[in-house]
């Protein structure tokens, strides 16, 4: 179950990378916030995979206002994410 959530999370992050104009080789930082324990557990348990696949040097839980975050829904679970250039993040 966690692997499936992680794959979908990676897919959504990759789409955000494209939308935000990141180059294929750009390192990023991912901040996330969710009240969904299942989603939080899946991200934490597969963090190395997620970071490897998305070229993220940081994958951290963080509180963030809605206006700075992108909202993702994965298997009916909601997570707010903020993707930024790793140099800035």
PDB file of N, CA and C in Angstrom:
ATOM      1  N   UNK A   1       0.823  -1.204   0.000  1.00  0.00           N
ATOM      2  CA  UNK A   1       0.000   0.000   0.000  1.00  0.00           C
ATOM      3  C   UNK A   1       0.864   1.263   0.000  1.00  0.00           C
ATOM      4  N   UNK A   2       1.872   1.311   0.885  1.00  0.00           N
ATOM      5  CA  UNK A   2       2.745   2.484   0.941  1.00  0.00           C
ATOM      6  C   UNK A   2       3.490   2.700  -0.362  1.00  0.00           C
ATOM      7  N   UNK A   3       3.880   1.608  -1.013  1.00  0.00           N
ATOM      8  CA  UNK A   3       4.608   1.732  -2.272  1.00  0.00           C
ATOM      9  C   UNK A   3       3.729   2.371  -3.343  1.00  0.00           C
ATOM     10  N   UNK A   4       2.472   1.995  -3.374  1.00  0.00           N
ATOM     11  CA  UNK A   4       1.546   2.581  -4.345  1.00  0.00           C
ATOM     12  C   UNK A   4       1.322   4.060  -4.091  1.00  0.00           C
ATOM     13  N   UNK A   5       1.176   4.426  -2.828  1.00  0.00           N
ATOM     14  CA  UNK A   5       1.029   5.836  -2.473  1.00  0.00           C
ATOM     15  C   UNK A   5       2.293   6.591  -2.850  1.00  0.00           C
ATOM     16  N   UNK A   6       3.449   6.012  -2.570  1.00  0.00           N
ATOM     17  CA  UNK A   6       4.718   6.666  -2.892  1.00  0.00           C
ATOM     18  C   UNK A   6       4.860   6.868  -4.396  1.00  0.00           C
ATOM     19  N   UNK A   7       4.508   5.872  -5.195  1.00  0.00           N
ATOM     20  CA  UNK A   7       4.599   6.010  -6.651  1.00  0.00           C
ATOM     21  C   UNK A   7       3.699   7.139  -7.146  1.00  0.00           C
ATOM     22  N   UNK A   8       2.496   7.212  -6.606  1.00  0.00           N
ATOM     23  CA  UNK A   8       1.570   8.265  -7.016  1.00  0.00           C
ATOM     24  C   UNK A   8       2.072   9.633  -6.550  1.00  0.00           C
ATOM     25  N   UNK A   9       2.624   9.706  -5.349  1.00  0.00           N
ATOM     26  CA  UNK A   9       3.204  10.955  -4.840  1.00  0.00           C
ATOM     27  C   UNK A   9       4.337  11.412  -5.763  1.00  0.00           C
ATOM     28  N   UNK A  10       5.203  10.495  -6.136  1.00  0.00           N
ATOM     29  CA  UNK A  10       6.312  10.808  -7.048  1.00  0.00           C
ATOM     30  C   UNK A  10       5.769  11.334  -8.373  1.00  0.00           C
ATOM     31  N   UNK A  11       4.763  10.664  -8.919  1.00  0.00           N
ATOM     32  CA  UNK A  11       4.159  11.095 -10.180  1.00  0.00           C
ATOM     33  C   UNK A  11       3.634  12.522 -10.078  1.00  0.00           C
ATOM     34  N   UNK A  12       2.951  12.823  -8.990  1.00  0.00           N
ATOM     35  CA  UNK A  12       2.390  14.166  -8.812  1.00  0.00           C
ATOM     36  C   UNK A  12       3.502  15.207  -8.644  1.00  0.00           C
ATOM     37  N   UNK A  13       4.551  14.855  -7.920  1.00  0.00           N
ATOM     38  CA  UNK A  13       5.672  15.780  -7.744  1.00  0.00           C
ATOM     39  C   UNK A  13       6.367  16.021  -9.090  1.00  0.00           C
ATOM     40  N   UNK A  14       6.530  14.962  -9.877  1.00  0.00           N
ATOM     41  CA  UNK A  14       7.147  15.123 -11.201  1.00  0.00           C
ATOM     42  C   UNK A  14       6.317  16.072 -12.067  1.00  0.00           C
ATOM     43  N   UNK A  15       4.990  15.947 -11.985  1.00  0.00           N
ATOM     44  CA  UNK A  15       4.118  16.852 -12.747  1.00  0.00           C
ATOM     45  C   UNK A  15       4.277  18.293 -12.261  1.00  0.00           C
ATOM     46  N   UNK A  16       4.392  18.479 -10.944  1.00  0.00           N
ATOM     47  CA  UNK A  16       4.606  19.822 -10.406  1.00  0.00           C
ATOM     48  C   UNK A  16       5.949  20.390 -10.862  1.00  0.00           C
ATOM     49  N   UNK A  17       6.970  19.536 -10.914  1.00  0.00           N
ATOM     50  CA  UNK A  17       8.281  19.981 -11.401  1.00  0.00           C
ATOM     51  C   UNK A  17       8.138  20.565 -12.804  1.00  0.00           C
ATOM     52  N   UNK A  18       7.414  19.853 -13.672  1.00  0.00           N
ATOM     53  CA  UNK A  18       7.223  20.318 -15.042  1.00  0.00           C
ATOM     54  C   UNK A  18       6.440  21.631 -15.068  1.00  0.00           C
ATOM     55  N   UNK A  19       5.337  21.679 -14.304  1.00  0.00           N
ATOM     56  CA  UNK A  19       4.498  22.879 -14.263  1.00  0.00           C
ATOM     57  C   UNK A  19       5.282  24.101 -13.798  1.00  0.00           C
ATOM     58  N   UNK A  20       6.204  23.902 -12.874  1.00  0.00           N
ATOM     59  CA  UNK A  20       6.961  25.008 -12.302  1.00  0.00           C
ATOM     60  C   UNK A  20       8.220  25.333 -13.108  1.00  0.00           C
ATOM     61  N   UNK A  21       8.457  24.591 -14.187  1.00  0.00           N
ATOM     62  CA  UNK A  21       9.549  24.901 -15.087  1.00  0.00           C
ATOM     63  C   UNK A  21      10.921  24.426 -14.645  1.00  0.00           C
ATOM     64  N   UNK A  22      10.980  23.457 -13.763  1.00  0.00           N
ATOM     65  CA  UNK A  22      12.274  22.914 -13.362  1.00  0.00           C
ATOM     66  C   UNK A  22      12.874  22.096 -14.498  1.00  0.00           C
ATOM     67  N   UNK A  23      14.186  22.150 -14.609  1.00  0.00           N
ATOM     68  CA  UNK A  23      14.897  21.309 -15.563  1.00  0.00           C
ATOM     69  C   UNK A  23      14.946  19.883 -15.018  1.00  0.00           C
ATOM     70  N   UNK A  24      15.161  18.921 -15.903  1.00  0.00           N
ATOM     71  CA  UNK A  24      15.178  17.509 -15.525  1.00  0.00           C
ATOM     72  C   UNK A  24      16.227  17.222 -14.452  1.00  0.00           C
ATOM     73  N   UNK A  25      17.332  17.939 -14.471  1.00  0.00           N
ATOM     74  CA  UNK A  25      18.436  17.673 -13.539  1.00  0.00           C
ATOM     75  C   UNK A  25      18.402  18.554 -12.286  1.00  0.00           C
ATOM     76  N   UNK A  26      17.449  19.479 -12.196  1.00  0.00           N
ATOM     77  CA  UNK A  26      17.377  20.375 -11.039  1.00  0.00           C
ATOM     78  C   UNK A  26      17.089  19.615  -9.757  1.00  0.00           C
ATOM     79  N   UNK A  27      17.835  19.932  -8.722  1.00  0.00           N
ATOM     80  CA  UNK A  27      17.575  19.403  -7.386  1.00  0.00           C
ATOM     81  C   UNK A  27      16.489  20.267  -6.750  1.00  0.00           C
ATOM     82  N   UNK A  28      15.587  19.618  -6.024  1.00  0.00           N
ATOM     83  CA  UNK A  28      14.470  20.337  -5.421  1.00  0.00           C
ATOM     84  C   UNK A  28      14.386  20.039  -3.924  1.00  0.00           C
ATOM     85  N   UNK A  29      13.573  20.835  -3.258  1.00  0.00           N
ATOM     86  CA  UNK A  29      13.190  20.589  -1.874  1.00  0.00           C
ATOM     87  C   UNK A  29      11.671  20.447  -1.865  1.00  0.00           C
ATOM     88  N   UNK A  30      11.179  19.466  -1.133  1.00  0.00           N
ATOM     89  CA  UNK A  30       9.740  19.228  -1.032  1.00  0.00           C
ATOM     90  C   UNK A  30       9.335  19.390   0.424  1.00  0.00           C
ATOM     91  N   UNK A  31       8.420  20.314   0.664  1.00  0.00           N
ATOM     92  CA  UNK A  31       7.810  20.460   1.986  1.00  0.00           C
ATOM     93  C   UNK A  31       6.392  19.934   1.863  1.00  0.00           C
ATOM     94  N   UNK A  32       5.929  19.237   2.877  1.00  0.00           N
ATOM     95  CA  UNK A  32       4.578  18.688   2.806  1.00  0.00           C
ATOM     96  C   UNK A  32       3.876  18.811   4.151  1.00  0.00           C
ATOM     97  N   UNK A  33       2.549  18.836   4.085  1.00  0.00           N
ATOM     98  CA  UNK A  33       1.721  18.892   5.288  1.00  0.00           C
ATOM     99  C   UNK A  33       0.473  18.068   5.043  1.00  0.00           C
ATOM    100  N   UNK A  34       0.188  17.162   5.955  1.00  0.00           N
ATOM    101  CA  UNK A  34      -1.032  16.362   5.861  1.00  0.00           C
ATOM    102  C   UNK A  34      -1.480  15.955   7.254  1.00  0.00           C
ATOM    103  N   UNK A  35      -2.768  15.880   7.421  1.00  0.00           N
ATOM    104  CA  UNK A  35      -3.317  15.373   8.676  1.00  0.00           C
ATOM    105  C   UNK A  35      -3.662  13.887   8.539  1.00  0.00           C
ATOM    106  N   UNK A  36      -3.401  13.331   7.372  1.00  0.00           N
ATOM    107  CA  UNK A  36      -3.707  11.932   7.078  1.00  0.00           C
ATOM    108  C   UNK A  36      -2.545  11.042   7.535  1.00  0.00           C
ATOM    109  N   UNK A  37      -2.756  10.299   8.606  1.00  0.00           N
ATOM    110  CA  UNK A  37      -1.684   9.464   9.153  1.00  0.00           C
ATOM    111  C   UNK A  37      -1.175   8.442   8.141  1.00  0.00           C
ATOM    112  N   UNK A  38      -2.067   7.835   7.377  1.00  0.00           N
ATOM    113  CA  UNK A  38      -1.670   6.837   6.382  1.00  0.00           C
ATOM    114  C   UNK A  38      -0.726   7.453   5.334  1.00  0.00           C
ATOM    115  N   UNK A  39      -1.043   8.650   4.893  1.00  0.00           N
ATOM    116  CA  UNK A  39      -0.223   9.329   3.903  1.00  0.00           C
ATOM    117  C   UNK A  39       1.118   9.745   4.504  1.00  0.00           C
ATOM    118  N   UNK A  40       1.081  10.273   5.720  1.00  0.00           N
ATOM    119  CA  UNK A  40       2.318  10.667   6.399  1.00  0.00           C
ATOM    120  C   UNK A  40       3.239   9.466   6.575  1.00  0.00           C
ATOM    121  N   UNK A  41       2.673   8.352   7.018  1.00  0.00           N
ATOM    122  CA  UNK A  41       3.469   7.127   7.193  1.00  0.00           C
ATOM    123  C   UNK A  41       4.078   6.663   5.876  1.00  0.00           C
ATOM    124  N   UNK A  42       3.279   6.698   4.812  1.00  0.00           N
ATOM    125  CA  UNK A  42       3.767   6.255   3.500  1.00  0.00           C
ATOM    126  C   UNK A  42       4.925   7.130   3.024  1.00  0.00           C
ATOM    127  N   UNK A  43       4.806   8.436   3.197  1.00  0.00           N
ATOM    128  CA  UNK A  43       5.872   9.338   2.775  1.00  0.00           C
ATOM    129  C   UNK A  43       7.128   9.093   3.604  1.00  0.00           C
ATOM    130  N   UNK A  44       6.963   8.988   4.917  1.00  0.00           N
ATOM    131  CA  UNK A  44       8.122   8.779   5.793  1.00  0.00           C
ATOM    132  C   UNK A  44       8.815   7.444   5.518  1.00  0.00           C
ATOM    133  N   UNK A  45       8.037   6.390   5.293  1.00  0.00           N
ATOM    134  CA  UNK A  45       8.612   5.062   5.107  1.00  0.00           C
ATOM    135  C   UNK A  45       9.252   4.874   3.733  1.00  0.00           C
ATOM    136  N   UNK A  46       8.887   5.699   2.781  1.00  0.00           N
ATOM    137  CA  UNK A  46       9.445   5.580   1.434  1.00  0.00           C
ATOM    138  C   UNK A  46      10.216   6.835   1.034  1.00  0.00           C
ATOM    139  N   UNK A  47      10.658   7.598   2.013  1.00  0.00           N
ATOM    140  CA  UNK A  47      11.317   8.885   1.761  1.00  0.00           C
ATOM    141  C   UNK A  47      12.523   8.752   0.833  1.00  0.00           C
ATOM    142  N   UNK A  48      13.352   7.745   1.044  1.00  0.00           N
ATOM    143  CA  UNK A  48      14.546   7.587   0.209  1.00  0.00           C
ATOM    144  C   UNK A  48      14.153   7.382  -1.252  1.00  0.00           C
ATOM    145  N   UNK A  49      13.148   6.555  -1.499  1.00  0.00           N
ATOM    146  CA  UNK A  49      12.654   6.319  -2.862  1.00  0.00           C
ATOM    147  C   UNK A  49      12.122   7.623  -3.460  1.00  0.00           C
ATOM    148  N   UNK A  50      11.299   8.335  -2.709  1.00  0.00           N
ATOM    149  CA  UNK A  50      10.710   9.584  -3.205  1.00  0.00           C
ATOM    150  C   UNK A  50      11.809  10.586  -3.548  1.00  0.00           C
ATOM    151  N   UNK A  51      12.769  10.737  -2.657  1.00  0.00           N
ATOM    152  CA  UNK A  51      13.851  11.693  -2.899  1.00  0.00           C
ATOM    153  C   UNK A  51      14.689  11.292  -4.110  1.00  0.00           C
ATOM    154  N   UNK A  52      14.972  10.024  -4.242  1.00  0.00           N
ATOM    155  CA  UNK A  52      15.753   9.553  -5.389  1.00  0.00           C
ATOM    156  C   UNK A  52      15.024   9.826  -6.700  1.00  0.00           C
ATOM    157  N   UNK A  53      13.756   9.484  -6.749  1.00  0.00           N
ATOM    158  CA  UNK A  53      12.988   9.611  -7.991  1.00  0.00           C
ATOM    159  C   UNK A  53      12.719  11.061  -8.390  1.00  0.00           C
ATOM    160  N   UNK A  54      12.624  11.949  -7.399  1.00  0.00           N
ATOM    161  CA  UNK A  54      12.279  13.346  -7.697  1.00  0.00           C
ATOM    162  C   UNK A  54      13.480  14.281  -7.640  1.00  0.00           C
ATOM    163  N   UNK A  55      14.661  13.744  -7.342  1.00  0.00           N
ATOM    164  CA  UNK A  55      15.881  14.535  -7.163  1.00  0.00           C
ATOM    165  C   UNK A  55      15.716  15.557  -6.039  1.00  0.00           C
ATOM    166  N   UNK A  56      15.030  15.145  -4.983  1.00  0.00           N
ATOM    167  CA  UNK A  56      14.814  16.032  -3.837  1.00  0.00           C
ATOM    168  C   UNK A  56      15.936  15.853  -2.818  1.00  0.00           C
ATOM    169  N   UNK A  57      16.568  16.943  -2.465  1.00  0.00           N
ATOM    170  CA  UNK A  57      17.594  16.887  -1.423  1.00  0.00           C
ATOM    171  C   UNK A  57      16.974  17.034  -0.039  1.00  0.00           C
ATOM    172  N   UNK A  58      15.730  17.543  -0.006  1.00  0.00           N
ATOM    173  CA  UNK A  58      14.977  17.661   1.241  1.00  0.00           C
ATOM    174  C   UNK A  58      13.552  17.178   1.001  1.00  0.00           C
ATOM    175  N   UNK A  59      13.022  16.456   1.968  1.00  0.00           N
ATOM    176  CA  UNK A  59      11.622  16.029   1.985  1.00  0.00           C
ATOM    177  C   UNK A  59      11.187  16.159   3.434  1.00  0.00           C
ATOM    178  N   UNK A  60      10.545  17.284   3.737  1.00  0.00           N
ATOM    179  CA  UNK A  60      10.294  17.613   5.133  1.00  0.00           C
ATOM    180  C   UNK A  60       8.838  17.962   5.398  1.00  0.00           C
ATOM    181  N   UNK A  61       8.318  17.524   6.545  1.00  0.00           N
ATOM    182  CA  UNK A  61       6.995  17.998   6.955  1.00  0.00           C
ATOM    183  C   UNK A  61       7.108  19.454   7.386  1.00  0.00           C
ATOM    184  N   UNK A  62       6.104  20.244   7.075  1.00  0.00           N
ATOM    185  CA  UNK A  62       6.131  21.664   7.427  1.00  0.00           C
ATOM    186  C   UNK A  62       4.721  22.224   7.427  1.00  0.00           C
ATOM    187  N   UNK A  63       4.477  23.174   8.289  1.00  0.00           N
ATOM    188  CA  UNK A  63       3.211  23.899   8.257  1.00  0.00           C
ATOM    189  C   UNK A  63       3.313  24.961   7.173  1.00  0.00           C
ATOM    190  N   UNK A  64       2.256  25.078   6.398  1.00  0.00           N
ATOM    191  CA  UNK A  64       2.280  26.076   5.332  1.00  0.00           C
ATOM    192  C   UNK A  64       0.878  26.592   5.055  1.00  0.00           C
ATOM    193  N   UNK A  65       0.789  27.877   4.706  1.00  0.00           N
ATOM    194  CA  UNK A  65      -0.521  28.424   4.345  1.00  0.00           C
ATOM    195  C   UNK A  65      -0.987  27.872   3.003  1.00  0.00           C
ATOM    196  N   UNK A  66      -2.286  27.795   2.840  1.00  0.00           N
ATOM    197  CA  UNK A  66      -2.860  27.244   1.605  1.00  0.00           C
ATOM    198  C   UNK A  66      -2.382  27.976   0.361  1.00  0.00           C
ATOM    199  N   UNK A  67      -2.173  29.279   0.444  1.00  0.00           N
ATOM    200  CA  UNK A  67      -1.827  30.044  -0.753  1.00  0.00           C
ATOM    201  C   UNK A  67      -0.426  29.744  -1.279  1.00  0.00           C
ATOM    202  N   UNK A  68       0.429  29.136  -0.468  1.00  0.00           N
ATOM    203  CA  UNK A  68       1.771  28.797  -0.953  1.00  0.00           C
ATOM    204  C   UNK A  68       1.883  27.343  -1.384  1.00  0.00           C
ATOM    205  N   UNK A  69       0.851  26.569  -1.128  1.00  0.00           N
ATOM    206  CA  UNK A  69       0.937  25.122  -1.344  1.00  0.00           C
ATOM    207  C   UNK A  69       0.099  24.666  -2.526  1.00  0.00           C
ATOM    208  N   UNK A  70       0.521  23.555  -3.095  1.00  0.00           N
ATOM    209  CA  UNK A  70      -0.288  22.837  -4.072  1.00  0.00           C
ATOM    210  C   UNK A  70      -0.983  21.719  -3.304  1.00  0.00           C
ATOM    211  N   UNK A  71      -2.241  21.492  -3.597  1.00  0.00           N
ATOM    212  CA  UNK A  71      -3.015  20.452  -2.921  1.00  0.00           C
ATOM    213  C   UNK A  71      -3.045  19.215  -3.809  1.00  0.00           C
ATOM    214  N   UNK A  72      -2.624  18.083  -3.251  1.00  0.00           N
ATOM    215  CA  UNK A  72      -2.663  16.813  -3.967  1.00  0.00           C
ATOM    216  C   UNK A  72      -3.619  15.883  -3.253  1.00  0.00           C
ATOM    217  N   UNK A  73      -4.379  15.111  -4.021  1.00  0.00           N
ATOM    218  CA  UNK A  73      -5.250  14.087  -3.457  1.00  0.00           C
ATOM    219  C   UNK A  73      -4.791  12.748  -4.019  1.00  0.00           C
ATOM    220  N   UNK A  74      -4.375  11.881  -3.119  1.00  0.00           N
ATOM    221  CA  UNK A  74      -3.863  10.567  -3.493  1.00  0.00           C
ATOM    222  C   UNK A  74      -4.671   9.523  -2.744  1.00  0.00           C
ATOM    223  N   UNK A  75      -5.391   8.684  -3.482  1.00  0.00           N
ATOM    224  CA  UNK A  75      -6.248   7.660  -2.867  1.00  0.00           C
ATOM    225  C   UNK A  75      -7.182   8.268  -1.822  1.00  0.00           C
ATOM    226  N   UNK A  76      -7.802   9.381  -2.161  1.00  0.00           N
ATOM    227  CA  UNK A  76      -8.716  10.112  -1.278  1.00  0.00           C
ATOM    228  C   UNK A  76      -8.041  10.690  -0.042  1.00  0.00           C
ATOM    229  N   UNK A  77      -6.725  10.772  -0.038  1.00  0.00           N
ATOM    230  CA  UNK A  77      -5.967  11.370   1.057  1.00  0.00           C
ATOM    231  C   UNK A  77      -5.369  12.682   0.554  1.00  0.00           C
ATOM    232  N   UNK A  78      -5.465  13.729   1.350  1.00  0.00           N
ATOM    233  CA  UNK A  78      -5.038  15.053   0.925  1.00  0.00           C
ATOM    234  C   UNK A  78      -3.715  15.434   1.571  1.00  0.00           C
ATOM    235  N   UNK A  79      -2.850  16.018   0.747  1.00  0.00           N
ATOM    236  CA  UNK A  79      -1.561  16.522   1.219  1.00  0.00           C
ATOM    237  C   UNK A  79      -1.286  17.851   0.540  1.00  0.00           C
ATOM    238  N   UNK A  80      -0.777  18.810   1.326  1.00  0.00           N
ATOM    239  CA  UNK A  80      -0.318  20.081   0.770  1.00  0.00           C
ATOM    240  C   UNK A  80       1.185  19.945   0.544  1.00  0.00           C
ATOM    241  N   UNK A  81       1.650  20.396  -0.608  1.00  0.00           N
ATOM    242  CA  UNK A  81       3.081  20.329  -0.894  1.00  0.00           C
ATOM    243  C   UNK A  81       3.564  21.671  -1.433  1.00  0.00           C
ATOM    244  N   UNK A  82       4.821  21.935  -1.170  1.00  0.00           N
ATOM    245  CA  UNK A  82       5.497  23.094  -1.726  1.00  0.00           C
ATOM    246  C   UNK A  82       6.810  22.592  -2.286  1.00  0.00           C
ATOM    247  N   UNK A  83       6.995  22.773  -3.589  1.00  0.00           N
ATOM    248  CA  UNK A  83       8.195  22.330  -4.272  1.00  0.00           C
ATOM    249  C   UNK A  83       8.989  23.555  -4.668  1.00  0.00           C
ATOM    250  N   UNK A  84      10.256  23.568  -4.298  1.00  0.00           N
ATOM    251  CA  UNK A  84      11.099  24.714  -4.607  1.00  0.00           C
ATOM    252  C   UNK A  84      12.483  24.236  -5.023  1.00  0.00           C
ATOM    253  N   UNK A  85      13.222  25.133  -5.626  1.00  0.00           N
ATOM    254  CA  UNK A  85      14.605  24.830  -5.988  1.00  0.00           C
ATOM    255  C   UNK A  85      15.379  24.547  -4.711  1.00  0.00           C
ATOM    256  N   UNK A  86      16.174  23.501  -4.696  1.00  0.00           N
ATOM    257  CA  UNK A  86      16.892  23.107  -3.484  1.00  0.00           C
ATOM    258  C   UNK A  86      17.827  24.193  -3.000  1.00  0.00           C
ATOM    259  N   UNK A  87      18.346  25.002  -3.903  1.00  0.00           N
ATOM    260  CA  UNK A  87      19.244  26.096  -3.501  1.00  0.00           C
ATOM    261  C   UNK A  87      18.478  27.116  -2.671  1.00  0.00           C
ATOM    262  N   UNK A  88      17.221  27.364  -3.045  1.00  0.00           N
ATOM    263  CA  UNK A  88      16.411  28.312  -2.307  1.00  0.00           C
ATOM    264  C   UNK A  88      15.778  27.691  -1.079  1.00  0.00           C
ATOM    265  N   UNK A  89      15.447  26.376  -1.186  1.00  0.00           N
ATOM    266  CA  UNK A  89      14.728  25.693  -0.110  1.00  0.00           C
ATOM    267  C   UNK A  89      15.619  25.409   1.031  1.00  0.00           C
TER     268      UNK A  89
END
